[in-house]
Structures are given as structure tokens and as C-alpha cells.
Amino acid sequence: MNTNIIVIPCWSTASFGDTADTSPTELWALGEHLNLCRGARGRLFALHCIAQTMHGFVAARFVTTLVVVGLLIGVGSLVL
């Protein structure tokens, strides 16, 4: 005996059956966020990006960085 079982997907979205659309409040919040991001790109933005990159590089290689700094201090004290 062959029975066909029809499985209906059970899922829901945040739109609760309506078409997904943005509300004016969401668009306003997005606009405020973009204005805040644009304002953050001041004169020191490039310097801040370089500092973040260097921090990521040093933090990932903390022990190696300590050894290199120690060697540089040691060599510098021998030369002077």
C-alpha cells in the first residue's frame, strides 16, 4: 500500500505573512547610523586605521614582539 504524505513546511518570518518591507522608522535609524559613520571619518581616521592594524599584528604575535623588543633593547644597550 502506497500512501503519499504531503509535508507542509512550518516556518514563519518576521513579516508575519505580509510582504517584507522597511518601515520609515527603520529607514530613519539607518540614515542616522550612516551619518554617524560618515562623521567618524575625520582627520585622524587614517591614523586610527593604522593603529588598529598594528594592534592586531602585535596582539597576534605578542610573545614574538616581546622577544624582538627585548633584543633591540639589549643590542641598543651594548652599542651605547
PDB file of N, CA and C in Angstrom:
ATOM      1  N   MET A   1       0.837  -1.172   0.000  1.00  0.00           N
ATOM      2  CA  MET A   1       0.000   0.000   0.000  1.00  0.00           C
ATOM      3  C   MET A   1       0.885   1.240   0.000  1.00  0.00           C
ATOM      4  N   ASN A   2       0.735   2.076  -0.975  1.00  0.00           N
ATOM      5  CA  ASN A   2       1.491   3.317  -1.081  1.00  0.00           C
ATOM      6  C   ASN A   2       0.630   4.489  -0.644  1.00  0.00           C
ATOM      7  N   THR A   3       1.136   5.210   0.344  1.00  0.00           N
ATOM      8  CA  THR A   3       0.433   6.417   0.770  1.00  0.00           C
ATOM      9  C   THR A   3       1.336   7.614   0.519  1.00  0.00           C
ATOM     10  N   ASN A   4       0.790   8.622  -0.052  1.00  0.00           N
ATOM     11  CA  ASN A   4       1.541   9.848  -0.283  1.00  0.00           C
ATOM     12  C   ASN A   4       1.363  10.777   0.914  1.00  0.00           C
ATOM     13  N   ILE A   5       2.486  11.155   1.488  1.00  0.00           N
ATOM     14  CA  ILE A   5       2.435  12.071   2.622  1.00  0.00           C
ATOM     15  C   ILE A   5       2.872  13.442   2.124  1.00  0.00           C
ATOM     16  N   ILE A   6       2.029  14.408   2.316  1.00  0.00           N
ATOM     17  CA  ILE A   6       2.346  15.771   1.920  1.00  0.00           C
ATOM     18  C   ILE A   6       2.814  16.514   3.162  1.00  0.00           C
ATOM     19  N   VAL A   7       4.045  16.994   3.085  1.00  0.00           N
ATOM     20  CA  VAL A   7       4.606  17.713   4.211  1.00  0.00           C
ATOM     21  C   VAL A   7       4.553  19.201   3.905  1.00  0.00           C
ATOM     22  N   ILE A   8       3.903  19.940   4.744  1.00  0.00           N
ATOM     23  CA  ILE A   8       3.817  21.387   4.594  1.00  0.00           C
ATOM     24  C   ILE A   8       4.902  22.001   5.466  1.00  0.00           C
ATOM     25  N   PRO A   9       5.754  22.857   4.906  1.00  0.00           N
ATOM     26  CA  PRO A   9       6.811  23.453   5.720  1.00  0.00           C
ATOM     27  C   PRO A   9       6.235  24.342   6.815  1.00  0.00           C
ATOM     28  N   CYS A  10       6.793  24.199   7.989  1.00  0.00           N
ATOM     29  CA  CYS A  10       6.355  25.004   9.132  1.00  0.00           C
ATOM     30  C   CYS A  10       7.426  26.048   9.416  1.00  0.00           C
ATOM     31  N   TRP A  11       7.286  27.219   8.885  1.00  0.00           N
ATOM     32  CA  TRP A  11       8.229  28.288   9.128  1.00  0.00           C
ATOM     33  C   TRP A  11       7.471  29.599   9.131  1.00  0.00           C
ATOM     34  N   SER A  12       8.074  30.551   9.746  1.00  0.00           N
ATOM     35  CA  SER A  12       7.461  31.879   9.765  1.00  0.00           C
ATOM     36  C   SER A  12       8.553  32.923   9.614  1.00  0.00           C
ATOM     37  N   THR A  13       8.164  34.093   9.223  1.00  0.00           N
ATOM     38  CA  THR A  13       9.114  35.193   9.084  1.00  0.00           C
ATOM     39  C   THR A  13       8.705  36.325  10.000  1.00  0.00           C
ATOM     40  N   ALA A  14       9.549  37.310  10.086  1.00  0.00           N
ATOM     41  CA  ALA A  14       9.232  38.463  10.914  1.00  0.00           C
ATOM     42  C   ALA A  14       8.133  39.311  10.282  1.00  0.00           C
ATOM     43  N   SER A  15       7.834  39.070   9.021  1.00  0.00           N
ATOM     44  CA  SER A  15       6.791  39.858   8.369  1.00  0.00           C
ATOM     45  C   SER A  15       5.400  39.288   8.636  1.00  0.00           C
ATOM     46  N   PHE A  16       5.330  38.144   9.292  1.00  0.00           N
ATOM     47  CA  PHE A  16       4.064  37.523   9.694  1.00  0.00           C
ATOM     48  C   PHE A  16       3.095  37.380   8.534  1.00  0.00           C
ATOM     49  N   GLY A  17       3.608  36.877   7.419  1.00  0.00           N
ATOM     50  CA  GLY A  17       2.750  36.594   6.282  1.00  0.00           C
ATOM     51  C   GLY A  17       2.579  37.755   5.326  1.00  0.00           C
ATOM     52  N   ASP A  18       2.944  38.966   5.738  1.00  0.00           N
ATOM     53  CA  ASP A  18       2.851  40.116   4.843  1.00  0.00           C
ATOM     54  C   ASP A  18       4.129  40.196   4.010  1.00  0.00           C
ATOM     55  N   THR A  19       4.137  41.096   3.061  1.00  0.00           N
ATOM     56  CA  THR A  19       5.354  41.288   2.290  1.00  0.00           C
ATOM     57  C   THR A  19       6.390  42.008   3.153  1.00  0.00           C
ATOM     58  N   ALA A  20       7.625  41.592   3.028  1.00  0.00           N
ATOM     59  CA  ALA A  20       8.698  42.208   3.805  1.00  0.00           C
ATOM     60  C   ALA A  20       8.993  43.590   3.237  1.00  0.00           C
ATOM     61  N   ASP A  21       8.966  44.587   4.098  1.00  0.00           N
ATOM     62  CA  ASP A  21       9.197  45.956   3.674  1.00  0.00           C
ATOM     63  C   ASP A  21       9.828  46.717   4.830  1.00  0.00           C
ATOM     64  N   THR A  22      10.508  47.804   4.516  1.00  0.00           N
ATOM     65  CA  THR A  22      11.122  48.615   5.569  1.00  0.00           C
ATOM     66  C   THR A  22      10.144  49.689   6.017  1.00  0.00           C
ATOM     67  N   SER A  23      10.176  49.960   7.293  1.00  0.00           N
ATOM     68  CA  SER A  23       9.305  50.997   7.831  1.00  0.00           C
ATOM     69  C   SER A  23      10.051  52.329   7.813  1.00  0.00           C
ATOM     70  N   PRO A  24       9.344  53.435   7.905  1.00  0.00           N
ATOM     71  CA  PRO A  24      10.022  54.740   7.964  1.00  0.00           C
ATOM     72  C   PRO A  24      10.961  54.852   9.167  1.00  0.00           C
ATOM     73  N   THR A  25      10.620  54.225  10.265  1.00  0.00           N
ATOM     74  CA  THR A  25      11.483  54.255  11.445  1.00  0.00           C
ATOM     75  C   THR A  25      12.792  53.535  11.180  1.00  0.00           C
ATOM     76  N   GLU A  26      12.733  52.399  10.498  1.00  0.00           N
ATOM     77  CA  GLU A  26      13.951  51.659  10.162  1.00  0.00           C
ATOM     78  C   GLU A  26      14.832  52.460   9.202  1.00  0.00           C
ATOM     79  N   LEU A  27      14.211  53.113   8.227  1.00  0.00           N
ATOM     80  CA  LEU A  27      14.975  53.933   7.281  1.00  0.00           C
ATOM     81  C   LEU A  27      15.612  55.126   7.992  1.00  0.00           C
ATOM     82  N   TRP A  28      14.908  55.724   8.938  1.00  0.00           N
ATOM     83  CA  TRP A  28      15.452  56.843   9.699  1.00  0.00           C
ATOM     84  C   TRP A  28      16.650  56.380  10.531  1.00  0.00           C
ATOM     85  N   ALA A  29      16.530  55.212  11.194  1.00  0.00           N
ATOM     86  CA  ALA A  29      17.628  54.690  12.012  1.00  0.00           C
ATOM     87  C   ALA A  29      18.839  54.362  11.139  1.00  0.00           C
ATOM     88  N   LEU A  30      18.608  53.833   9.954  1.00  0.00           N
ATOM     89  CA  LEU A  30      19.706  53.539   9.038  1.00  0.00           C
ATOM     90  C   LEU A  30      20.394  54.828   8.597  1.00  0.00           C
ATOM     91  N   GLY A  31      19.611  55.847   8.304  1.00  0.00           N
ATOM     92  CA  GLY A  31      20.179  57.139   7.916  1.00  0.00           C
ATOM     93  C   GLY A  31      21.013  57.747   9.031  1.00  0.00           C
ATOM     94  N   GLU A  32      20.535  57.672  10.273  1.00  0.00           N
ATOM     95  CA  GLU A  32      21.296  58.179  11.417  1.00  0.00           C
ATOM     96  C   GLU A  32      22.603  57.417  11.583  1.00  0.00           C
ATOM     97  N   HIS A  33      22.552  56.122  11.405  1.00  0.00           N
ATOM     98  CA  HIS A  33      23.764  55.302  11.524  1.00  0.00           C
ATOM     99  C   HIS A  33      24.781  55.676  10.449  1.00  0.00           C
ATOM    100  N   LEU A  34      24.317  55.851   9.225  1.00  0.00           N
ATOM    101  CA  LEU A  34      25.229  56.209   8.138  1.00  0.00           C
ATOM    102  C   LEU A  34      25.831  57.596   8.356  1.00  0.00           C
ATOM    103  N   ASN A  35      25.049  58.537   8.883  1.00  0.00           N
ATOM    104  CA  ASN A  35      25.583  59.863   9.199  1.00  0.00           C
ATOM    105  C   ASN A  35      26.636  59.776  10.292  1.00  0.00           C
ATOM    106  N   LEU A  36      26.407  58.938  11.275  1.00  0.00           N
ATOM    107  CA  LEU A  36      27.379  58.755  12.352  1.00  0.00           C
ATOM    108  C   LEU A  36      28.667  58.144  11.804  1.00  0.00           C
ATOM    109  N   CYS A  37      28.546  57.184  10.913  1.00  0.00           N
ATOM    110  CA  CYS A  37      29.739  56.563  10.314  1.00  0.00           C
ATOM    111  C   CYS A  37      30.506  57.566   9.460  1.00  0.00           C
ATOM    112  N   ARG A  38      29.785  58.383   8.699  1.00  0.00           N
ATOM    113  CA  ARG A  38      30.442  59.398   7.878  1.00  0.00           C
ATOM    114  C   ARG A  38      31.154  60.425   8.751  1.00  0.00           C
ATOM    115  N   GLY A  39      30.562  60.771   9.877  1.00  0.00           N
ATOM    116  CA  GLY A  39      31.170  61.742  10.779  1.00  0.00           C
ATOM    117  C   GLY A  39      32.409  61.201  11.462  1.00  0.00           C
ATOM    118  N   ALA A  40      32.505  59.889  11.604  1.00  0.00           N
ATOM    119  CA  ALA A  40      33.656  59.282  12.270  1.00  0.00           C
ATOM    120  C   ALA A  40      34.902  59.330  11.397  1.00  0.00           C
ATOM    121  N   ARG A  41      34.751  59.598  10.131  1.00  0.00           N
ATOM    122  CA  ARG A  41      35.894  59.648   9.216  1.00  0.00           C
ATOM    123  C   ARG A  41      36.477  61.053   9.206  1.00  0.00           C
ATOM    124  N   GLY A  42      37.063  61.429  10.319  1.00  0.00           N
ATOM    125  CA  GLY A  42      37.663  62.752  10.447  1.00  0.00           C
ATOM    126  C   GLY A  42      39.110  62.764   9.998  1.00  0.00           C
ATOM    127  N   ARG A  43      39.856  63.757  10.514  1.00  0.00           N
ATOM    128  CA  ARG A  43      41.246  63.943  10.111  1.00  0.00           C
ATOM    129  C   ARG A  43      42.128  62.796  10.576  1.00  0.00           C
ATOM    130  N   LEU A  44      41.816  62.212  11.712  1.00  0.00           N
ATOM    131  CA  LEU A  44      42.666  61.169  12.272  1.00  0.00           C
ATOM    132  C   LEU A  44      42.190  59.764  11.931  1.00  0.00           C
ATOM    133  N   PHE A  45      41.284  59.651  10.958  1.00  0.00           N
ATOM    134  CA  PHE A  45      40.732  58.339  10.619  1.00  0.00           C
ATOM    135  C   PHE A  45      41.806  57.396  10.097  1.00  0.00           C
ATOM    136  N   ALA A  46      42.681  57.881   9.211  1.00  0.00           N
ATOM    137  CA  ALA A  46      43.739  57.031   8.650  1.00  0.00           C
ATOM    138  C   ALA A  46      44.698  56.582   9.747  1.00  0.00           C
ATOM    139  N   LEU A  47      45.029  57.494  10.657  1.00  0.00           N
ATOM    140  CA  LEU A  47      45.910  57.148  11.771  1.00  0.00           C
ATOM    141  C   LEU A  47      45.270  56.098  12.672  1.00  0.00           C
ATOM    142  N   HIS A  48      43.990  56.230  12.892  1.00  0.00           N
ATOM    143  CA  HIS A  48      43.262  55.256  13.697  1.00  0.00           C
ATOM    144  C   HIS A  48      43.261  53.882  13.029  1.00  0.00           C
ATOM    145  N   CYS A  49      43.077  53.839  11.719  1.00  0.00           N
ATOM    146  CA  CYS A  49      43.103  52.560  10.990  1.00  0.00           C
ATOM    147  C   CYS A  49      44.481  51.910  11.080  1.00  0.00           C
ATOM    148  N   ILE A  50      45.537  52.713  10.957  1.00  0.00           N
ATOM    149  CA  ILE A  50      46.893  52.180  11.055  1.00  0.00           C
ATOM    150  C   ILE A  50      47.139  51.636  12.452  1.00  0.00           C
ATOM    151  N   ALA A  51      46.678  52.373  13.478  1.00  0.00           N
ATOM    152  CA  ALA A  51      46.854  51.917  14.860  1.00  0.00           C
ATOM    153  C   ALA A  51      46.116  50.601  15.106  1.00  0.00           C
ATOM    154  N   GLN A  52      44.912  50.466  14.567  1.00  0.00           N
ATOM    155  CA  GLN A  52      44.172  49.215  14.730  1.00  0.00           C
ATOM    156  C   GLN A  52      44.874  48.060  14.029  1.00  0.00           C
ATOM    157  N   THR A  53      45.429  48.305  12.860  1.00  0.00           N
ATOM    158  CA  THR A  53      46.150  47.268  12.130  1.00  0.00           C
ATOM    159  C   THR A  53      47.389  46.832  12.903  1.00  0.00           C
ATOM    160  N   MET A  54      48.142  47.794  13.425  1.00  0.00           N
ATOM    161  CA  MET A  54      49.345  47.475  14.198  1.00  0.00           C
ATOM    162  C   MET A  54      48.982  46.715  15.471  1.00  0.00           C
ATOM    163  N   HIS A  55      47.899  47.118  16.122  1.00  0.00           N
ATOM    164  CA  HIS A  55      47.468  46.423  17.335  1.00  0.00           C
ATOM    165  C   HIS A  55      47.119  44.973  17.029  1.00  0.00           C
ATOM    166  N   GLY A  56      46.410  44.748  15.926  1.00  0.00           N
ATOM    167  CA  GLY A  56      46.069  43.382  15.537  1.00  0.00           C
ATOM    168  C   GLY A  56      47.300  42.557  15.230  1.00  0.00           C
ATOM    169  N   PHE A  57      48.285  43.167  14.583  1.00  0.00           N
ATOM    170  CA  PHE A  57      49.523  42.473  14.249  1.00  0.00           C
ATOM    171  C   PHE A  57      50.296  42.111  15.507  1.00  0.00           C
ATOM    172  N   VAL A  58      50.441  43.073  16.422  1.00  0.00           N
ATOM    173  CA  VAL A  58      51.213  42.843  17.643  1.00  0.00           C
ATOM    174  C   VAL A  58      50.483  41.878  18.582  1.00  0.00           C
ATOM    175  N   ALA A  59      49.178  42.019  18.700  1.00  0.00           N
ATOM    176  CA  ALA A  59      48.428  41.153  19.611  1.00  0.00           C
ATOM    177  C   ALA A  59      48.480  39.691  19.171  1.00  0.00           C
ATOM    178  N   ALA A  60      48.499  39.458  17.869  1.00  0.00           N
ATOM    179  CA  ALA A  60      48.549  38.082  17.364  1.00  0.00           C
ATOM    180  C   ALA A  60      49.926  37.468  17.567  1.00  0.00           C
ATOM    181  N   ARG A  61      50.950  38.308  17.683  1.00  0.00           N
ATOM    182  CA  ARG A  61      52.329  37.823  17.830  1.00  0.00           C
ATOM    183  C   ARG A  61      52.960  38.423  19.076  1.00  0.00           C
ATOM    184  N   PHE A  62      52.264  38.356  20.203  1.00  0.00           N
ATOM    185  CA  PHE A  62      52.675  39.040  21.427  1.00  0.00           C
ATOM    186  C   PHE A  62      54.038  38.559  21.927  1.00  0.00           C
ATOM    187  N   VAL A  63      54.230  37.267  22.021  1.00  0.00           N
ATOM    188  CA  VAL A  63      55.493  36.726  22.550  1.00  0.00           C
ATOM    189  C   VAL A  63      56.646  37.072  21.615  1.00  0.00           C
ATOM    190  N   THR A  64      56.447  36.918  20.331  1.00  0.00           N
ATOM    191  CA  THR A  64      57.489  37.250  19.363  1.00  0.00           C
ATOM    192  C   THR A  64      57.830  38.739  19.450  1.00  0.00           C
ATOM    193  N   THR A  65      56.815  39.575  19.605  1.00  0.00           N
ATOM    194  CA  THR A  65      57.053  41.008  19.726  1.00  0.00           C
ATOM    195  C   THR A  65      57.868  41.317  20.978  1.00  0.00           C
ATOM    196  N   LEU A  66      57.570  40.664  22.089  1.00  0.00           N
ATOM    197  CA  LEU A  66      58.346  40.879  23.317  1.00  0.00           C
ATOM    198  C   LEU A  66      59.801  40.464  23.130  1.00  0.00           C
ATOM    199  N   VAL A  67      60.046  39.360  22.452  1.00  0.00           N
ATOM    200  CA  VAL A  67      61.419  38.896  22.212  1.00  0.00           C
ATOM    201  C   VAL A  67      62.163  39.897  21.328  1.00  0.00           C
ATOM    202  N   VAL A  68      61.519  40.374  20.263  1.00  0.00           N
ATOM    203  CA  VAL A  68      62.170  41.336  19.364  1.00  0.00           C
ATOM    204  C   VAL A  68      62.466  42.641  20.096  1.00  0.00           C
ATOM    205  N   VAL A  69      61.528  43.130  20.886  1.00  0.00           N
ATOM    206  CA  VAL A  69      61.757  44.363  21.650  1.00  0.00           C
ATOM    207  C   VAL A  69      62.885  44.147  22.649  1.00  0.00           C
ATOM    208  N   GLY A  70      62.909  43.005  23.309  1.00  0.00           N
ATOM    209  CA  GLY A  70      63.994  42.700  24.248  1.00  0.00           C
ATOM    210  C   GLY A  70      65.346  42.655  23.562  1.00  0.00           C
ATOM    211  N   LEU A  71      65.400  42.051  22.394  1.00  0.00           N
ATOM    212  CA  LEU A  71      66.649  42.003  21.632  1.00  0.00           C
ATOM    213  C   LEU A  71      67.097  43.404  21.203  1.00  0.00           C
ATOM    214  N   LEU A  72      66.151  44.216  20.763  1.00  0.00           N
ATOM    215  CA  LEU A  72      66.501  45.581  20.362  1.00  0.00           C
ATOM    216  C   LEU A  72      67.019  46.396  21.541  1.00  0.00           C
ATOM    217  N   ILE A  73      66.403  46.248  22.695  1.00  0.00           N
ATOM    218  CA  ILE A  73      66.881  46.947  23.895  1.00  0.00           C
ATOM    219  C   ILE A  73      68.262  46.435  24.285  1.00  0.00           C
ATOM    220  N   GLY A  74      68.472  45.112  24.215  1.00  0.00           N
ATOM    221  CA  GLY A  74      69.769  44.544  24.547  1.00  0.00           C
ATOM    222  C   GLY A  74      70.865  45.002  23.607  1.00  0.00           C
ATOM    223  N   VAL A  75      70.598  44.999  22.317  1.00  0.00           N
ATOM    224  CA  VAL A  75      71.587  45.453  21.335  1.00  0.00           C
ATOM    225  C   VAL A  75      71.844  46.945  21.510  1.00  0.00           C
ATOM    226  N   GLY A  76      70.790  47.699  21.770  1.00  0.00           N
ATOM    227  CA  GLY A  76      70.946  49.134  21.973  1.00  0.00           C
ATOM    228  C   GLY A  76      71.775  49.457  23.192  1.00  0.00           C
ATOM    229  N   SER A  77      71.641  48.691  24.263  1.00  0.00           N
ATOM    230  CA  SER A  77      72.434  48.939  25.472  1.00  0.00           C
ATOM    231  C   SER A  77      73.890  48.531  25.273  1.00  0.00           C
ATOM    232  N   LEU A  78      74.168  47.566  24.424  1.00  0.00           N
ATOM    233  CA  LEU A  78      75.540  47.160  24.142  1.00  0.00           C
ATOM    234  C   LEU A  78      76.271  48.191  23.286  1.00  0.00           C
ATOM    235  N   VAL A  79      75.549  48.809  22.370  1.00  0.00           N
ATOM    236  CA  VAL A  79      76.134  49.777  21.465  1.00  0.00           C
ATOM    237  C   VAL A  79      76.471  51.071  22.199  1.00  0.00           C
ATOM    238  N   LEU A  80      75.630  51.480  23.095  1.00  0.00           N
ATOM    239  CA  LEU A  80      75.857  52.741  23.810  1.00  0.00           C
ATOM    240  C   LEU A  80      76.771  52.498  24.918  1.00  0.00           C
TER     241      LEU A  80
END
